[in-house]
C-alpha atoms as a PDB file:
ATOM      1  CA  MET A   1      29.400  11.275 -20.998  1.00  0.00           C
ATOM      2  CA  THR A   2      29.864  12.915 -17.622  1.00  0.00           C
ATOM      3  CA  SER A   3      26.974  15.291 -18.214  1.00  0.00           C
ATOM      4  CA  LYS A   4      24.634  12.364 -18.959  1.00  0.00           C
ATOM      5  CA  VAL A   5      25.637  10.671 -15.704  1.00  0.00           C
ATOM      6  CA  GLU A   6      25.136  13.927 -13.800  1.00  0.00           C
ATOM      7  CA  VAL A   7      21.718  14.438 -15.396  1.00  0.00           C
ATOM      8  CA  LEU A   8      20.717  10.884 -14.524  1.00  0.00           C
ATOM      9  CA  ARG A   9      21.876  11.363 -10.926  1.00  0.00           C
ATOM     10  CA  ALA A  10      19.992  14.644 -10.694  1.00  0.00           C
ATOM     11  CA  LEU A  11      16.858  13.019 -12.101  1.00  0.00           C
ATOM     12  CA  LYS A  12      17.207  10.153  -9.641  1.00  0.00           C
ATOM     13  CA  LEU A  13      17.578  12.590  -6.725  1.00  0.00           C
ATOM     14  CA  LEU A  14      14.595  14.591  -7.955  1.00  0.00           C
ATOM     15  CA  PHE A  15      12.517  11.423  -8.242  1.00  0.00           C
ATOM     16  CA  GLU A  16      13.494  10.335  -4.721  1.00  0.00           C
ATOM     17  CA  HIS A  17      12.695  13.809  -3.392  1.00  0.00           C
ATOM     18  CA  HIS A  18       9.226  13.760  -4.985  1.00  0.00           C
ATOM     19  CA  LYS A  19       8.687  10.234  -3.701  1.00  0.00           C
ATOM     20  CA  ALA A  20       9.562  11.386  -0.167  1.00  0.00           C
ATOM     21  CA  LEU A  21       7.222  14.380  -0.499  1.00  0.00           C
ATOM     22  CA  ASP A  22       4.396  12.128  -1.683  1.00  0.00           C
ATOM     23  CA  LYS A  23       4.954   9.839   1.266  1.00  0.00           C
ATOM     24  CA  LYS A  24       4.927  12.875   3.584  1.00  0.00           C
ATOM     25  CA  GLU A  25       1.609  14.190   1.935  1.00  0.00           C
ATOM     26  CA  VAL A  26       0.095  10.695   2.371  1.00  0.00           C
ATOM     27  CA  LEU A  27       1.170  10.511   6.042  1.00  0.00           C
ATOM     28  CA  GLU A  28      -0.180  13.991   6.730  1.00  0.00           C
ATOM     29  CA  LYS A  29      -3.505  13.084   5.115  1.00  0.00           C
ATOM     30  CA  GLN A  30      -3.739   9.877   7.143  1.00  0.00           C
ATOM     31  CA  SER A  31      -2.919  11.779  10.308  1.00  0.00           C
ATOM     32  CA  GLN A  32      -5.612  14.346   9.567  1.00  0.00           C
ATOM     33  CA  GLU A  33      -8.150  11.601   8.824  1.00  0.00           C
ATOM     34  CA  GLN A  34      -7.217   9.828  12.054  1.00  0.00           C
ATOM     35  CA  SER A  35      -7.723  13.058  13.976  1.00  0.00           C
ATOM     36  CA  GLN A  36     -11.148  13.545  12.408  1.00  0.00           C
ATOM     37  CA  MET A  37     -12.111   9.967  13.220  1.00  0.00           C
ATOM     38  CA  LYS A  38     -11.073  10.437  16.855  1.00  0.00           C
ATOM     39  CA  GLU A  39     -13.248  13.552  17.065  1.00  0.00           C
ATOM     40  CA  ARG A  40     -16.163  11.703  15.485  1.00  0.00           C
ATOM     41  CA  LEU A  41     -15.691   8.764  17.853  1.00  0.00           C
ATOM     42  CA  ALA A  42     -15.723  11.111  20.842  1.00  0.00           C
ATOM     43  CA  ALA A  43     -18.926  12.780  19.585  1.00  0.00           C
ATOM     44  CA  LEU A  44     -20.562   9.388  19.005  1.00  0.00           C
ATOM     45  CA  SER A  45     -19.508   8.238  22.458  1.00  0.00           C
ATOM     46  CA  ASP A  46     -21.072  11.353  24.015  1.00  0.00           C
ATOM     47  CA  HIS A  47     -24.256  10.761  22.036  1.00  0.00           C
ATOM     48  CA  MET A  48     -24.323   7.126  23.148  1.00  0.00           C
ATOM     49  CA  THR A  49     -24.036   8.208  26.772  1.00  0.00           C
ATOM     50  CA  GLU A  50     -26.978  10.589  26.316  1.00  0.00           C
ATOM     51  CA  LEU A  51     -29.047   7.829  24.696  1.00  0.00           C
ATOM     52  CA  GLU A  52     -28.238   5.432  27.536  1.00  0.00           C
ATOM     53  CA  GLU A  53     -29.337   8.055  30.067  1.00  0.00           C
ATOM     54  CA  ASP A  54     -32.572   8.623  28.127  1.00  0.00           C
ATOM     55  CA  LEU A  55     -33.169   4.876  28.023  1.00  0.00           C
ATOM     56  CA  ASP A  56     -32.622   4.596  31.772  1.00  0.00           C
ATOM     57  CA  THR A  57     -35.101   7.425  32.384  1.00  0.00           C
ATOM     58  CA  ALA A  58     -37.651   5.798  30.080  1.00  0.00           C
ATOM     59  CA  ARG A  59     -37.298   2.472  31.918  1.00  0.00           C
ATOM     60  CA  LYS A  60     -37.849   4.176  35.273  1.00  0.00           C
ATOM     61  CA  ASP A  61     -40.905   5.997  33.894  1.00  0.00           C
ATOM     62  CA  LEU A  62     -42.280   2.711  32.545  1.00  0.00           C
ATOM     63  CA  LEU A  63     -41.885   1.021  35.930  1.00  0.00           C
ATOM     64  CA  LYS A  64     -43.667   3.919  37.641  1.00  0.00           C
ATOM     65  CA  SER A  65     -46.471   3.756  35.083  1.00  0.00           C
ATOM     66  CA  GLU A  66     -46.861   0.022  35.603  1.00  0.00           C
ATOM     67  CA  ASP A  67     -47.041   0.535  39.362  1.00  0.00           C
ATOM     68  CA  VAL A  68     -49.714   3.208  38.958  1.00  0.00           C
ATOM     69  CA  LYS A  69     -51.637   0.958  36.549  1.00  0.00           C
ATOM     70  CA  MET A  70     -51.567  -1.966  39.035  1.00  0.00           C
ATOM     71  CA  LYS A  71     -52.778   0.287  41.872  1.00  0.00           C
ATOM     72  CA  LEU A  72     -55.613   1.625  39.697  1.00  0.00           C
ATOM     73  CA  GLN A  73     -56.616  -1.887  38.648  1.00  0.00           C
ATOM     74  CA  ARG A  74     -56.711  -2.973  42.286  1.00  0.00           C
ATOM     75  CA  ASP A  75     -58.853   0.016  43.182  1.00  0.00           C
ATOM     76  CA  VAL A  76     -61.390  -0.760  40.453  1.00  0.00           C
END
């Protein structure tokens, strides 16, 4: 009878140990995914900044072009 109780206790401890390891694996995976998402967010933020700068340059070029067009139309 004692050996059955000891086996059951050992199995319970083993189960709890595996459960803790699984929880650790899951947490590590989530941490890694979070890290990757932060890196991706930073890259997207940098890209957004570049696009905003390009847009600003394009707007300035458009205004200059419109000014030149108005001057040419007045001259004609």
